[in-house]
Amino acid sequence: MMQQEIHEETRREQDLVKIGKIPGFYDKGTVRQIKERKQLFEAFQTSLESTN
């Protein structure tokens, strides 16, 4: 009985994390958005390296 309650609570927490309802967790965006951010970051890093 206790094991099942723990399992259900864990599942609820995971679902809340997935939809971004728990503070400290957030949706990182679509794959395209993540790739765009990565490209921006890499371009910024490259420009920093070339100025040094």
PDB file of N, CA and C in Angstrom:
ATOM      1  N   MET A   1       0.831  -1.197   0.000  1.00  0.00           N
ATOM      2  CA  MET A   1       0.000   0.000   0.000  1.00  0.00           C
ATOM      3  C   MET A   1       0.871   1.254   0.000  1.00  0.00           C
ATOM      4  N   MET A   2       1.798   1.354   0.923  1.00  0.00           N
ATOM      5  CA  MET A   2       2.675   2.522   1.001  1.00  0.00           C
ATOM      6  C   MET A   2       3.521   2.648  -0.264  1.00  0.00           C
ATOM      7  N   GLN A   3       3.997   1.513  -0.774  1.00  0.00           N
ATOM      8  CA  GLN A   3       4.814   1.509  -1.990  1.00  0.00           C
ATOM      9  C   GLN A   3       4.041   2.106  -3.164  1.00  0.00           C
ATOM     10  N   GLN A   4       2.773   1.752  -3.283  1.00  0.00           N
ATOM     11  CA  GLN A   4       1.951   2.266  -4.378  1.00  0.00           C
ATOM     12  C   GLN A   4       1.735   3.776  -4.238  1.00  0.00           C
ATOM     13  N   GLU A   5       1.520   4.252  -3.028  1.00  0.00           N
ATOM     14  CA  GLU A   5       1.350   5.694  -2.811  1.00  0.00           C
ATOM     15  C   GLU A   5       2.613   6.457  -3.205  1.00  0.00           C
ATOM     16  N   ILE A   6       3.758   5.919  -2.843  1.00  0.00           N
ATOM     17  CA  ILE A   6       5.029   6.552  -3.202  1.00  0.00           C
ATOM     18  C   ILE A   6       5.174   6.589  -4.719  1.00  0.00           C
ATOM     19  N   HIS A   7       4.839   5.483  -5.367  1.00  0.00           N
ATOM     20  CA  HIS A   7       4.933   5.399  -6.824  1.00  0.00           C
ATOM     21  C   HIS A   7       4.019   6.430  -7.485  1.00  0.00           C
ATOM     22  N   GLU A   8       2.797   6.557  -6.993  1.00  0.00           N
ATOM     23  CA  GLU A   8       1.848   7.522  -7.558  1.00  0.00           C
ATOM     24  C   GLU A   8       2.326   8.956  -7.350  1.00  0.00           C
ATOM     25  N   GLU A   9       2.852   9.244  -6.182  1.00  0.00           N
ATOM     26  CA  GLU A   9       3.353  10.590  -5.900  1.00  0.00           C
ATOM     27  C   GLU A   9       4.543  10.925  -6.803  1.00  0.00           C
ATOM     28  N   THR A  10       5.420   9.959  -6.995  1.00  0.00           N
ATOM     29  CA  THR A  10       6.566  10.157  -7.886  1.00  0.00           C
ATOM     30  C   THR A  10       6.096  10.443  -9.302  1.00  0.00           C
ATOM     31  N   ARG A  11       5.098   9.698  -9.750  1.00  0.00           N
ATOM     32  CA  ARG A  11       4.562   9.906 -11.098  1.00  0.00           C
ATOM     33  C   ARG A  11       3.942  11.299 -11.226  1.00  0.00           C
ATOM     34  N   ARG A  12       3.228  11.752 -10.202  1.00  0.00           N
ATOM     35  CA  ARG A  12       2.634  13.096 -10.223  1.00  0.00           C
ATOM     36  C   ARG A  12       3.719  14.169 -10.320  1.00  0.00           C
ATOM     37  N   GLU A  13       4.780  13.997  -9.538  1.00  0.00           N
ATOM     38  CA  GLU A  13       5.880  14.963  -9.581  1.00  0.00           C
ATOM     39  C   GLU A  13       6.529  15.000 -10.957  1.00  0.00           C
ATOM     40  N   GLN A  14       6.736  13.833 -11.553  1.00  0.00           N
ATOM     41  CA  GLN A  14       7.333  13.780 -12.889  1.00  0.00           C
ATOM     42  C   GLN A  14       6.440  14.468 -13.912  1.00  0.00           C
ATOM     43  N   ASP A  15       5.136  14.258 -13.804  1.00  0.00           N
ATOM     44  CA  ASP A  15       4.199  14.911 -14.725  1.00  0.00           C
ATOM     45  C   ASP A  15       4.234  16.422 -14.558  1.00  0.00           C
ATOM     46  N   LEU A  16       4.308  16.898 -13.316  1.00  0.00           N
ATOM     47  CA  LEU A  16       4.382  18.340 -13.069  1.00  0.00           C
ATOM     48  C   LEU A  16       5.663  18.933 -13.641  1.00  0.00           C
ATOM     49  N   VAL A  17       6.765  18.209 -13.494  1.00  0.00           N
ATOM     50  CA  VAL A  17       8.030  18.682 -14.057  1.00  0.00           C
ATOM     51  C   VAL A  17       7.905  18.784 -15.574  1.00  0.00           C
ATOM     52  N   LYS A  18       7.282  17.781 -16.193  1.00  0.00           N
ATOM     53  CA  LYS A  18       7.133  17.779 -17.656  1.00  0.00           C
ATOM     54  C   LYS A  18       6.355  18.985 -18.143  1.00  0.00           C
ATOM     55  N   ILE A  19       5.335  19.395 -17.401  1.00  0.00           N
ATOM     56  CA  ILE A  19       4.537  20.536 -17.860  1.00  0.00           C
ATOM     57  C   ILE A  19       5.039  21.851 -17.265  1.00  0.00           C
ATOM     58  N   GLY A  20       6.132  21.796 -16.520  1.00  0.00           N
ATOM     59  CA  GLY A  20       6.774  23.014 -16.038  1.00  0.00           C
ATOM     60  C   GLY A  20       6.102  23.677 -14.859  1.00  0.00           C
ATOM     61  N   LYS A  21       5.448  22.917 -14.000  1.00  0.00           N
ATOM     62  CA  LYS A  21       4.725  23.504 -12.871  1.00  0.00           C
ATOM     63  C   LYS A  21       5.555  23.562 -11.591  1.00  0.00           C
ATOM     64  N   ILE A  22       6.735  22.954 -11.583  1.00  0.00           N
ATOM     65  CA  ILE A  22       7.535  22.941 -10.363  1.00  0.00           C
ATOM     66  C   ILE A  22       8.629  24.000 -10.490  1.00  0.00           C
ATOM     67  N   PRO A  23       8.746  24.908  -9.524  1.00  0.00           N
ATOM     68  CA  PRO A  23       9.779  25.945  -9.578  1.00  0.00           C
ATOM     69  C   PRO A  23      11.167  25.327  -9.719  1.00  0.00           C
ATOM     70  N   GLY A  24      11.984  25.938 -10.553  1.00  0.00           N
ATOM     71  CA  GLY A  24      13.333  25.427 -10.759  1.00  0.00           C
ATOM     72  C   GLY A  24      13.431  24.541 -11.984  1.00  0.00           C
ATOM     73  N   PHE A  25      12.310  24.106 -12.488  1.00  0.00           N
ATOM     74  CA  PHE A  25      12.285  23.314 -13.704  1.00  0.00           C
ATOM     75  C   PHE A  25      11.552  24.121 -14.761  1.00  0.00           C
ATOM     76  N   TYR A  26      11.940  23.965 -15.991  1.00  0.00           N
ATOM     77  CA  TYR A  26      11.265  24.696 -17.059  1.00  0.00           C
ATOM     78  C   TYR A  26      11.381  23.921 -18.367  1.00  0.00           C
ATOM     79  N   ASP A  27      10.523  24.269 -19.284  1.00  0.00           N
ATOM     80  CA  ASP A  27      10.560  23.669 -20.605  1.00  0.00           C
ATOM     81  C   ASP A  27      11.700  24.309 -21.375  1.00  0.00           C
ATOM     82  N   LYS A  28      12.585  23.506 -21.885  1.00  0.00           N
ATOM     83  CA  LYS A  28      13.749  24.039 -22.586  1.00  0.00           C
ATOM     84  C   LYS A  28      13.422  24.438 -24.017  1.00  0.00           C
ATOM     85  N   GLY A  29      12.236  24.123 -24.484  1.00  0.00           N
ATOM     86  CA  GLY A  29      11.834  24.517 -25.832  1.00  0.00           C
ATOM     87  C   GLY A  29      11.904  23.369 -26.813  1.00  0.00           C
ATOM     88  N   THR A  30      11.549  23.684 -28.029  1.00  0.00           N
ATOM     89  CA  THR A  30      11.567  22.667 -29.075  1.00  0.00           C
ATOM     90  C   THR A  30      13.005  22.370 -29.474  1.00  0.00           C
ATOM     91  N   VAL A  31      13.173  21.294 -30.206  1.00  0.00           N
ATOM     92  CA  VAL A  31      14.504  20.922 -30.675  1.00  0.00           C
ATOM     93  C   VAL A  31      15.093  22.054 -31.516  1.00  0.00           C
ATOM     94  N   ARG A  32      14.262  22.678 -32.350  1.00  0.00           N
ATOM     95  CA  ARG A  32      14.741  23.776 -33.191  1.00  0.00           C
ATOM     96  C   ARG A  32      15.234  24.942 -32.337  1.00  0.00           C
ATOM     97  N   GLN A  33      14.475  25.285 -31.295  1.00  0.00           N
ATOM     98  CA  GLN A  33      14.876  26.390 -30.417  1.00  0.00           C
ATOM     99  C   GLN A  33      16.194  26.075 -29.714  1.00  0.00           C
ATOM    100  N   ILE A  34      16.356  24.833 -29.293  1.00  0.00           N
ATOM    101  CA  ILE A  34      17.588  24.436 -28.613  1.00  0.00           C
ATOM    102  C   ILE A  34      18.765  24.541 -29.575  1.00  0.00           C
ATOM    103  N   LYS A  35      18.570  24.096 -30.824  1.00  0.00           N
ATOM    104  CA  LYS A  35      19.645  24.185 -31.819  1.00  0.00           C
ATOM    105  C   LYS A  35      20.006  25.634 -32.103  1.00  0.00           C
ATOM    106  N   GLU A  36      18.991  26.508 -32.177  1.00  0.00           N
ATOM    107  CA  GLU A  36      19.258  27.930 -32.422  1.00  0.00           C
ATOM    108  C   GLU A  36      20.071  28.529 -31.280  1.00  0.00           C
ATOM    109  N   ARG A  37      19.704  28.204 -30.051  1.00  0.00           N
ATOM    110  CA  ARG A  37      20.452  28.713 -28.898  1.00  0.00           C
ATOM    111  C   ARG A  37      21.886  28.206 -28.913  1.00  0.00           C
ATOM    112  N   LYS A  38      22.042  26.928 -29.277  1.00  0.00           N
ATOM    113  CA  LYS A  38      23.375  26.338 -29.336  1.00  0.00           C
ATOM    114  C   LYS A  38      24.224  27.057 -30.378  1.00  0.00           C
ATOM    115  N   GLN A  39      23.639  27.333 -31.541  1.00  0.00           N
ATOM    116  CA  GLN A  39      24.379  28.027 -32.595  1.00  0.00           C
ATOM    117  C   GLN A  39      24.769  29.435 -32.150  1.00  0.00           C
ATOM    118  N   LEU A  40      23.848  30.133 -31.499  1.00  0.00           N
ATOM    119  CA  LEU A  40      24.161  31.475 -30.998  1.00  0.00           C
ATOM    120  C   LEU A  40      25.303  31.421 -29.988  1.00  0.00           C
ATOM    121  N   PHE A  41      25.225  30.463 -29.084  1.00  0.00           N
ATOM    122  CA  PHE A  41      26.256  30.320 -28.065  1.00  0.00           C
ATOM    123  C   PHE A  41      27.606  30.021 -28.703  1.00  0.00           C
ATOM    124  N   GLU A  42      27.611  29.071 -29.668  1.00  0.00           N
ATOM    125  CA  GLU A  42      28.865  28.707 -30.318  1.00  0.00           C
ATOM    126  C   GLU A  42      29.437  29.883 -31.100  1.00  0.00           C
ATOM    127  N   ALA A  43      28.578  30.654 -31.764  1.00  0.00           N
ATOM    128  CA  ALA A  43      29.041  31.827 -32.504  1.00  0.00           C
ATOM    129  C   ALA A  43      29.644  32.848 -31.539  1.00  0.00           C
ATOM    130  N   PHE A  44      29.007  33.032 -30.402  1.00  0.00           N
ATOM    131  CA  PHE A  44      29.510  33.960 -29.394  1.00  0.00           C
ATOM    132  C   PHE A  44      30.860  33.486 -28.866  1.00  0.00           C
ATOM    133  N   GLN A  45      30.966  32.188 -28.582  1.00  0.00           N
ATOM    134  CA  GLN A  45      32.222  31.630 -28.084  1.00  0.00           C
ATOM    135  C   GLN A  45      33.331  31.824 -29.116  1.00  0.00           C
ATOM    136  N   THR A  46      33.021  31.586 -30.382  1.00  0.00           N
ATOM    137  CA  THR A  46      34.005  31.736 -31.446  1.00  0.00           C
ATOM    138  C   THR A  46      34.474  33.182 -31.541  1.00  0.00           C
ATOM    139  N   SER A  47      33.532  34.120 -31.441  1.00  0.00           N
ATOM    140  CA  SER A  47      33.914  35.531 -31.519  1.00  0.00           C
ATOM    141  C   SER A  47      34.772  35.932 -30.318  1.00  0.00           C
ATOM    142  N   LEU A  48      34.493  35.375 -29.161  1.00  0.00           N
ATOM    143  CA  LEU A  48      35.318  35.666 -27.981  1.00  0.00           C
ATOM    144  C   LEU A  48      36.731  35.123 -28.163  1.00  0.00           C
ATOM    145  N   GLU A  49      36.832  33.915 -28.694  1.00  0.00           N
ATOM    146  CA  GLU A  49      38.140  33.298 -28.884  1.00  0.00           C
ATOM    147  C   GLU A  49      38.959  34.061 -29.917  1.00  0.00           C
ATOM    148  N   SER A  50      38.305  34.578 -30.952  1.00  0.00           N
ATOM    149  CA  SER A  50      39.041  35.283 -32.003  1.00  0.00           C
ATOM    150  C   SER A  50      39.518  36.660 -31.541  1.00  0.00           C
ATOM    151  N   THR A  51      38.874  37.226 -30.518  1.00  0.00           N
ATOM    152  CA  THR A  51      39.306  38.538 -30.022  1.00  0.00           C
ATOM    153  C   THR A  51      40.443  38.414 -29.014  1.00  0.00           C
ATOM    154  N   ASN A  52      40.672  37.231 -28.501  1.00  0.00           N
ATOM    155  CA  ASN A  52      41.750  37.039 -27.507  1.00  0.00           C
ATOM    156  C   ASN A  52      43.047  36.677 -28.166  1.00  0.00           C
TER     157      ASN A  52
END
